[in-house]
Amino acid sequence: KTIMIDEWASIGSSNMNHRSFRHDLEVDYILQTKEAKQQLLDDFHHDCSYTTKQTLSSLAKQPLWKRVAGSLILLLFGRWL
């Protein structure tokens, strides 16, 4: 997981919730050099070129088995996702 806010950047496993901050063992690395921050930004833009925008209408067009499987996974594992 990455986060970049203005001149501050972090790579790590933390979620932005109470449990992650108080109970879970999380590791984060704060990027300090301009080169590392620029590489993170470049990687993000590169990754974006491989993405597809998802909308409710595009999700509704998925096969029924995918929608059922997704709902089942969320029901069984939603607590940990």
PDB file of N, CA and C in Angstrom:
ATOM      1  N   LYS A   1       0.847  -1.166   0.000  1.00  0.00           N
ATOM      2  CA  LYS A   1       0.000   0.000   0.000  1.00  0.00           C
ATOM      3  C   LYS A   1       0.897   1.234   0.000  1.00  0.00           C
ATOM      4  N   THR A   2       0.495   2.199  -0.734  1.00  0.00           N
ATOM      5  CA  THR A   2       1.266   3.443  -0.782  1.00  0.00           C
ATOM      6  C   THR A   2       0.344   4.627  -0.524  1.00  0.00           C
ATOM      7  N   ILE A   3       0.944   5.692  -0.027  1.00  0.00           N
ATOM      8  CA  ILE A   3       0.217   6.942   0.156  1.00  0.00           C
ATOM      9  C   ILE A   3       1.198   8.079  -0.082  1.00  0.00           C
ATOM     10  N   MET A   4       0.732   9.075  -0.802  1.00  0.00           N
ATOM     11  CA  MET A   4       1.548  10.253  -1.046  1.00  0.00           C
ATOM     12  C   MET A   4       0.679  11.485  -0.825  1.00  0.00           C
ATOM     13  N   ILE A   5       1.118  12.323   0.096  1.00  0.00           N
ATOM     14  CA  ILE A   5       0.404  13.563   0.405  1.00  0.00           C
ATOM     15  C   ILE A   5       1.417  14.682   0.349  1.00  0.00           C
ATOM     16  N   ASP A   6       1.237  15.573  -0.607  1.00  0.00           N
ATOM     17  CA  ASP A   6       2.182  16.671  -0.822  1.00  0.00           C
ATOM     18  C   ASP A   6       3.601  16.130  -0.945  1.00  0.00           C
ATOM     19  N   GLU A   7       4.476  16.446  -0.021  1.00  0.00           N
ATOM     20  CA  GLU A   7       5.871  15.990  -0.076  1.00  0.00           C
ATOM     21  C   GLU A   7       6.132  14.768   0.805  1.00  0.00           C
ATOM     22  N   TRP A   8       5.093  14.184   1.400  1.00  0.00           N
ATOM     23  CA  TRP A   8       5.227  13.041   2.294  1.00  0.00           C
ATOM     24  C   TRP A   8       4.760  11.776   1.578  1.00  0.00           C
ATOM     25  N   ALA A   9       5.541  10.689   1.673  1.00  0.00           N
ATOM     26  CA  ALA A   9       5.172   9.433   1.014  1.00  0.00           C
ATOM     27  C   ALA A   9       5.513   8.256   1.914  1.00  0.00           C
ATOM     28  N   SER A  10       4.662   7.234   1.857  1.00  0.00           N
ATOM     29  CA  SER A  10       4.849   6.055   2.691  1.00  0.00           C
ATOM     30  C   SER A  10       4.486   4.802   1.899  1.00  0.00           C
ATOM     31  N   ILE A  11       5.212   3.723   2.168  1.00  0.00           N
ATOM     32  CA  ILE A  11       4.912   2.404   1.627  1.00  0.00           C
ATOM     33  C   ILE A  11       4.813   1.477   2.829  1.00  0.00           C
ATOM     34  N   GLY A  12       3.739   0.676   2.886  1.00  0.00           N
ATOM     35  CA  GLY A  12       3.627  -0.219   4.021  1.00  0.00           C
ATOM     36  C   GLY A  12       2.362  -1.034   4.026  1.00  0.00           C
ATOM     37  N   SER A  13       2.087  -1.629   5.165  1.00  0.00           N
ATOM     38  CA  SER A  13       0.947  -2.529   5.290  1.00  0.00           C
ATOM     39  C   SER A  13      -0.199  -1.954   6.119  1.00  0.00           C
ATOM     40  N   SER A  14      -0.015  -0.791   6.723  1.00  0.00           N
ATOM     41  CA  SER A  14      -1.042  -0.231   7.609  1.00  0.00           C
ATOM     42  C   SER A  14      -2.302   0.168   6.857  1.00  0.00           C
ATOM     43  N   ASN A  15      -3.407  -0.060   7.523  1.00  0.00           N
ATOM     44  CA  ASN A  15      -4.694   0.468   7.077  1.00  0.00           C
ATOM     45  C   ASN A  15      -4.968   1.714   7.917  1.00  0.00           C
ATOM     46  N   MET A  16      -5.777   2.586   7.410  1.00  0.00           N
ATOM     47  CA  MET A  16      -6.110   3.808   8.144  1.00  0.00           C
ATOM     48  C   MET A  16      -7.341   3.560   9.007  1.00  0.00           C
ATOM     49  N   ASN A  17      -7.168   2.693  10.018  1.00  0.00           N
ATOM     50  CA  ASN A  17      -8.264   2.438  10.938  1.00  0.00           C
ATOM     51  C   ASN A  17      -7.713   2.176  12.342  1.00  0.00           C
ATOM     52  N   HIS A  18      -8.596   2.189  13.299  1.00  0.00           N
ATOM     53  CA  HIS A  18      -8.226   2.043  14.708  1.00  0.00           C
ATOM     54  C   HIS A  18      -7.508   0.718  14.971  1.00  0.00           C
ATOM     55  N   ARG A  19      -8.019  -0.360  14.406  1.00  0.00           N
ATOM     56  CA  ARG A  19      -7.428  -1.680  14.664  1.00  0.00           C
ATOM     57  C   ARG A  19      -5.976  -1.746  14.205  1.00  0.00           C
ATOM     58  N   SER A  20      -5.677  -1.230  13.014  1.00  0.00           N
ATOM     59  CA  SER A  20      -4.310  -1.278  12.507  1.00  0.00           C
ATOM     60  C   SER A  20      -3.363  -0.482  13.386  1.00  0.00           C
ATOM     61  N   PHE A  21      -3.818   0.660  13.867  1.00  0.00           N
ATOM     62  CA  PHE A  21      -2.951   1.503  14.683  1.00  0.00           C
ATOM     63  C   PHE A  21      -2.741   0.940  16.088  1.00  0.00           C
ATOM     64  N   ARG A  22      -3.742   0.258  16.638  1.00  0.00           N
ATOM     65  CA  ARG A  22      -3.678  -0.187  18.032  1.00  0.00           C
ATOM     66  C   ARG A  22      -3.304  -1.656  18.219  1.00  0.00           C
ATOM     67  N   HIS A  23      -3.803  -2.546  17.317  1.00  0.00           N
ATOM     68  CA  HIS A  23      -3.708  -3.971  17.593  1.00  0.00           C
ATOM     69  C   HIS A  23      -2.863  -4.769  16.603  1.00  0.00           C
ATOM     70  N   ASP A  24      -2.881  -4.408  15.347  1.00  0.00           N
ATOM     71  CA  ASP A  24      -2.203  -5.215  14.337  1.00  0.00           C
ATOM     72  C   ASP A  24      -0.728  -4.859  14.247  1.00  0.00           C
ATOM     73  N   LEU A  25       0.062  -5.836  13.868  1.00  0.00           N
ATOM     74  CA  LEU A  25       1.481  -5.612  13.659  1.00  0.00           C
ATOM     75  C   LEU A  25       1.657  -5.132  12.217  1.00  0.00           C
ATOM     76  N   GLU A  26       1.894  -3.857  12.038  1.00  0.00           N
ATOM     77  CA  GLU A  26       2.001  -3.248  10.716  1.00  0.00           C
ATOM     78  C   GLU A  26       3.396  -2.656  10.544  1.00  0.00           C
ATOM     79  N   VAL A  27       3.841  -2.593   9.304  1.00  0.00           N
ATOM     80  CA  VAL A  27       5.153  -2.032   9.000  1.00  0.00           C
ATOM     81  C   VAL A  27       4.988  -1.008   7.882  1.00  0.00           C
ATOM     82  N   ASP A  28       5.551   0.167   8.086  1.00  0.00           N
ATOM     83  CA  ASP A  28       5.513   1.220   7.073  1.00  0.00           C
ATOM     84  C   ASP A  28       6.905   1.829   6.931  1.00  0.00           C
ATOM     85  N   TYR A  29       7.206   2.259   5.727  1.00  0.00           N
ATOM     86  CA  TYR A  29       8.482   2.904   5.444  1.00  0.00           C
ATOM     87  C   TYR A  29       8.190   4.284   4.874  1.00  0.00           C
ATOM     88  N   ILE A  30       8.761   5.307   5.461  1.00  0.00           N
ATOM     89  CA  ILE A  30       8.574   6.676   4.994  1.00  0.00           C
ATOM     90  C   ILE A  30       9.684   6.997   3.988  1.00  0.00           C
ATOM     91  N   LEU A  31       9.287   7.352   2.772  1.00  0.00           N
ATOM     92  CA  LEU A  31      10.264   7.719   1.749  1.00  0.00           C
ATOM     93  C   LEU A  31      10.812   9.103   2.060  1.00  0.00           C
ATOM     94  N   GLN A  32      12.127   9.256   1.922  1.00  0.00           N
ATOM     95  CA  GLN A  32      12.734  10.522   2.299  1.00  0.00           C
ATOM     96  C   GLN A  32      13.404  11.255   1.145  1.00  0.00           C
ATOM     97  N   THR A  33      13.869  10.538   0.134  1.00  0.00           N
ATOM     98  CA  THR A  33      14.574  11.228  -0.957  1.00  0.00           C
ATOM     99  C   THR A  33      13.607  11.623  -2.054  1.00  0.00           C
ATOM    100  N   LYS A  34      13.940  12.691  -2.750  1.00  0.00           N
ATOM    101  CA  LYS A  34      13.118  13.147  -3.873  1.00  0.00           C
ATOM    102  C   LYS A  34      13.060  12.088  -4.962  1.00  0.00           C
ATOM    103  N   GLU A  35      14.171  11.374  -5.168  1.00  0.00           N
ATOM    104  CA  GLU A  35      14.220  10.348  -6.210  1.00  0.00           C
ATOM    105  C   GLU A  35      13.267   9.199  -5.898  1.00  0.00           C
ATOM    106  N   ALA A  36      13.219   8.772  -4.640  1.00  0.00           N
ATOM    107  CA  ALA A  36      12.320   7.680  -4.244  1.00  0.00           C
ATOM    108  C   ALA A  36      10.859   8.101  -4.394  1.00  0.00           C
ATOM    109  N   LYS A  37      10.564   9.323  -4.010  1.00  0.00           N
ATOM    110  CA  LYS A  37       9.191   9.818  -4.137  1.00  0.00           C
ATOM    111  C   LYS A  37       8.791   9.933  -5.601  1.00  0.00           C
ATOM    112  N   GLN A  38       9.712  10.384  -6.444  1.00  0.00           N
ATOM    113  CA  GLN A  38       9.425  10.500  -7.877  1.00  0.00           C
ATOM    114  C   GLN A  38       9.224   9.119  -8.493  1.00  0.00           C
ATOM    115  N   GLN A  39      10.017   8.138  -8.060  1.00  0.00           N
ATOM    116  CA  GLN A  39       9.856   6.774  -8.573  1.00  0.00           C
ATOM    117  C   GLN A  39       8.501   6.203  -8.174  1.00  0.00           C
ATOM    118  N   LEU A  40       8.067   6.468  -6.960  1.00  0.00           N
ATOM    119  CA  LEU A  40       6.749   6.030  -6.507  1.00  0.00           C
ATOM    120  C   LEU A  40       5.655   6.642  -7.375  1.00  0.00           C
ATOM    121  N   LEU A  41       5.778   7.925  -7.647  1.00  0.00           N
ATOM    122  CA  LEU A  41       4.798   8.605  -8.491  1.00  0.00           C
ATOM    123  C   LEU A  41       4.815   8.061  -9.914  1.00  0.00           C
ATOM    124  N   ASP A  42       6.002   7.834 -10.457  1.00  0.00           N
ATOM    125  CA  ASP A  42       6.115   7.278 -11.808  1.00  0.00           C
ATOM    126  C   ASP A  42       5.510   5.876 -11.882  1.00  0.00           C
ATOM    127  N   ASP A  43       5.777   5.061 -10.867  1.00  0.00           N
ATOM    128  CA  ASP A  43       5.210   3.710 -10.826  1.00  0.00           C
ATOM    129  C   ASP A  43       3.690   3.754 -10.755  1.00  0.00           C
ATOM    130  N   PHE A  44       3.154   4.695  -9.982  1.00  0.00           N
ATOM    131  CA  PHE A  44       1.703   4.836  -9.875  1.00  0.00           C
ATOM    132  C   PHE A  44       1.090   5.168 -11.237  1.00  0.00           C
ATOM    133  N   HIS A  45       1.675   6.128 -11.932  1.00  0.00           N
ATOM    134  CA  HIS A  45       1.145   6.508 -13.250  1.00  0.00           C
ATOM    135  C   HIS A  45       1.274   5.356 -14.245  1.00  0.00           C
ATOM    136  N   HIS A  46       2.353   4.611 -14.176  1.00  0.00           N
ATOM    137  CA  HIS A  46       2.522   3.451 -15.045  1.00  0.00           C
ATOM    138  C   HIS A  46       1.446   2.406 -14.751  1.00  0.00           C
ATOM    139  N   ASP A  47       1.217   2.128 -13.469  1.00  0.00           N
ATOM    140  CA  ASP A  47       0.192   1.149 -13.090  1.00  0.00           C
ATOM    141  C   ASP A  47      -1.199   1.593 -13.545  1.00  0.00           C
ATOM    142  N   CYS A  48      -1.462   2.888 -13.500  1.00  0.00           N
ATOM    143  CA  CYS A  48      -2.772   3.401 -13.910  1.00  0.00           C
ATOM    144  C   CYS A  48      -3.061   3.119 -15.381  1.00  0.00           C
ATOM    145  N   SER A  49      -2.017   2.998 -16.179  1.00  0.00           N
ATOM    146  CA  SER A  49      -2.224   2.737 -17.603  1.00  0.00           C
ATOM    147  C   SER A  49      -2.757   1.319 -17.841  1.00  0.00           C
ATOM    148  N   TYR A  50      -2.702   0.457 -16.830  1.00  0.00           N
ATOM    149  CA  TYR A  50      -3.199  -0.915 -16.956  1.00  0.00           C
ATOM    150  C   TYR A  50      -4.538  -1.119 -16.260  1.00  0.00           C
ATOM    151  N   THR A  51      -5.176  -0.055 -15.836  1.00  0.00           N
ATOM    152  CA  THR A  51      -6.425  -0.184 -15.090  1.00  0.00           C
ATOM    153  C   THR A  51      -7.636   0.018 -15.983  1.00  0.00           C
ATOM    154  N   THR A  52      -8.772  -0.421 -15.479  1.00  0.00           N
ATOM    155  CA  THR A  52     -10.047  -0.232 -16.155  1.00  0.00           C
ATOM    156  C   THR A  52     -11.025   0.356 -15.148  1.00  0.00           C
ATOM    157  N   LYS A  53     -11.713   1.400 -15.544  1.00  0.00           N
ATOM    158  CA  LYS A  53     -12.682   2.024 -14.652  1.00  0.00           C
ATOM    159  C   LYS A  53     -13.864   1.078 -14.451  1.00  0.00           C
ATOM    160  N   GLN A  54     -14.238   0.879 -13.193  1.00  0.00           N
ATOM    161  CA  GLN A  54     -15.375   0.027 -12.856  1.00  0.00           C
ATOM    162  C   GLN A  54     -16.550   0.897 -12.429  1.00  0.00           C
ATOM    163  N   THR A  55     -17.693   0.633 -13.006  1.00  0.00           N
ATOM    164  CA  THR A  55     -18.920   1.346 -12.655  1.00  0.00           C
ATOM    165  C   THR A  55     -19.976   0.314 -12.250  1.00  0.00           C
ATOM    166  N   LEU A  56     -21.047   0.781 -11.663  1.00  0.00           N
ATOM    167  CA  LEU A  56     -22.120  -0.148 -11.297  1.00  0.00           C
ATOM    168  C   LEU A  56     -22.674  -0.851 -12.523  1.00  0.00           C
ATOM    169  N   SER A  57     -22.780  -0.132 -13.641  1.00  0.00           N
ATOM    170  CA  SER A  57     -23.322  -0.773 -14.848  1.00  0.00           C
ATOM    171  C   SER A  57     -22.358  -1.822 -15.400  1.00  0.00           C
ATOM    172  N   SER A  58     -21.041  -1.561 -15.328  1.00  0.00           N
ATOM    173  CA  SER A  58     -20.097  -2.577 -15.811  1.00  0.00           C
ATOM    174  C   SER A  58     -20.073  -3.792 -14.889  1.00  0.00           C
ATOM    175  N   LEU A  59     -20.236  -3.575 -13.596  1.00  0.00           N
ATOM    176  CA  LEU A  59     -20.290  -4.697 -12.666  1.00  0.00           C
ATOM    177  C   LEU A  59     -21.550  -5.527 -12.874  1.00  0.00           C
ATOM    178  N   ALA A  60     -22.657  -4.870 -13.200  1.00  0.00           N
ATOM    179  CA  ALA A  60     -23.918  -5.576 -13.428  1.00  0.00           C
ATOM    180  C   ALA A  60     -23.849  -6.450 -14.673  1.00  0.00           C
ATOM    181  N   LYS A  61     -22.939  -6.142 -15.592  1.00  0.00           N
ATOM    182  CA  LYS A  61     -22.792  -6.927 -16.829  1.00  0.00           C
ATOM    183  C   LYS A  61     -21.922  -8.162 -16.640  1.00  0.00           C
ATOM    184  N   GLN A  62     -21.313  -8.311 -15.477  1.00  0.00           N
ATOM    185  CA  GLN A  62     -20.485  -9.489 -15.236  1.00  0.00           C
ATOM    186  C   GLN A  62     -21.356 -10.742 -15.172  1.00  0.00           C
ATOM    187  N   PRO A  63     -20.769 -11.892 -15.507  1.00  0.00           N
ATOM    188  CA  PRO A  63     -21.540 -13.138 -15.420  1.00  0.00           C
ATOM    189  C   PRO A  63     -22.062 -13.369 -14.000  1.00  0.00           C
ATOM    190  N   LEU A  64     -23.178 -14.035 -13.911  1.00  0.00           N
ATOM    191  CA  LEU A  64     -23.819 -14.286 -12.623  1.00  0.00           C
ATOM    192  C   LEU A  64     -22.881 -15.018 -11.664  1.00  0.00           C
ATOM    193  N   TRP A  65     -22.128 -15.994 -12.157  1.00  0.00           N
ATOM    194  CA  TRP A  65     -21.255 -16.765 -11.277  1.00  0.00           C
ATOM    195  C   TRP A  65     -20.193 -15.888 -10.621  1.00  0.00           C
ATOM    196  N   LYS A  66     -19.711 -14.853 -11.331  1.00  0.00           N
ATOM    197  CA  LYS A  66     -18.723 -13.948 -10.743  1.00  0.00           C
ATOM    198  C   LYS A  66     -19.353 -13.092  -9.651  1.00  0.00           C
ATOM    199  N   ARG A  67     -20.576 -12.642  -9.888  1.00  0.00           N
ATOM    200  CA  ARG A  67     -21.248 -11.830  -8.875  1.00  0.00           C
ATOM    201  C   ARG A  67     -21.560 -12.646  -7.628  1.00  0.00           C
ATOM    202  N   VAL A  68     -21.998 -13.900  -7.819  1.00  0.00           N
ATOM    203  CA  VAL A  68     -22.295 -14.777  -6.682  1.00  0.00           C
ATOM    204  C   VAL A  68     -21.005 -15.102  -5.928  1.00  0.00           C
ATOM    205  N   ALA A  69     -19.936 -15.418  -6.660  1.00  0.00           N
ATOM    206  CA  ALA A  69     -18.656 -15.734  -6.015  1.00  0.00           C
ATOM    207  C   ALA A  69     -18.148 -14.531  -5.217  1.00  0.00           C
ATOM    208  N   GLY A  70     -18.240 -13.334  -5.783  1.00  0.00           N
ATOM    209  CA  GLY A  70     -17.804 -12.135  -5.082  1.00  0.00           C
ATOM    210  C   GLY A  70     -18.601 -11.887  -3.816  1.00  0.00           C
ATOM    211  N   SER A  71     -19.902 -12.089  -3.895  1.00  0.00           N
ATOM    212  CA  SER A  71     -20.754 -11.912  -2.714  1.00  0.00           C
ATOM    213  C   SER A  71     -20.442 -12.948  -1.650  1.00  0.00           C
ATOM    214  N   LEU A  72     -20.184 -14.185  -2.071  1.00  0.00           N
ATOM    215  CA  LEU A  72     -19.864 -15.246  -1.131  1.00  0.00           C
ATOM    216  C   LEU A  72     -18.527 -14.979  -0.429  1.00  0.00           C
ATOM    217  N   ILE A  73     -17.536 -14.554  -1.182  1.00  0.00           N
ATOM    218  CA  ILE A  73     -16.232 -14.227  -0.603  1.00  0.00           C
ATOM    219  C   ILE A  73     -16.373 -13.086   0.402  1.00  0.00           C
ATOM    220  N   LEU A  74     -17.130 -12.062   0.031  1.00  0.00           N
ATOM    221  CA  LEU A  74     -17.341 -10.938   0.941  1.00  0.00           C
ATOM    222  C   LEU A  74     -18.067 -11.379   2.209  1.00  0.00           C
ATOM    223  N   LEU A  75     -19.044 -12.252   2.053  1.00  0.00           N
ATOM    224  CA  LEU A  75     -19.789 -12.748   3.210  1.00  0.00           C
ATOM    225  C   LEU A  75     -18.887 -13.553   4.146  1.00  0.00           C
ATOM    226  N   LEU A  76     -18.056 -14.409   3.571  1.00  0.00           N
ATOM    227  CA  LEU A  76     -17.200 -15.282   4.389  1.00  0.00           C
ATOM    228  C   LEU A  76     -15.982 -14.588   4.963  1.00  0.00           C
ATOM    229  N   PHE A  77     -15.381 -13.678   4.171  1.00  0.00           N
ATOM    230  CA  PHE A  77     -14.113 -13.077   4.566  1.00  0.00           C
ATOM    231  C   PHE A  77     -14.152 -11.570   4.744  1.00  0.00           C
ATOM    232  N   GLY A  78     -15.336 -10.974   4.665  1.00  0.00           N
ATOM    233  CA  GLY A  78     -15.468  -9.519   4.748  1.00  0.00           C
ATOM    234  C   GLY A  78     -14.869  -8.922   6.001  1.00  0.00           C
ATOM    235  N   ARG A  79     -14.887  -9.658   7.071  1.00  0.00           N
ATOM    236  CA  ARG A  79     -14.344  -9.165   8.331  1.00  0.00           C
ATOM    237  C   ARG A  79     -12.838  -8.894   8.226  1.00  0.00           C
ATOM    238  N   TRP A  80     -12.157  -9.662   7.388  1.00  0.00           N
ATOM    239  CA  TRP A  80     -10.702  -9.541   7.266  1.00  0.00           C
ATOM    240  C   TRP A  80     -10.278  -8.735   6.047  1.00  0.00           C
ATOM    241  N   LEU A  81     -11.195  -8.363   5.194  1.00  0.00           N
ATOM    242  CA  LEU A  81     -10.852  -7.603   3.979  1.00  0.00           C
ATOM    243  C   LEU A  81     -10.803  -6.113   4.264  1.00  0.00           C
TER     244      LEU A  81
END
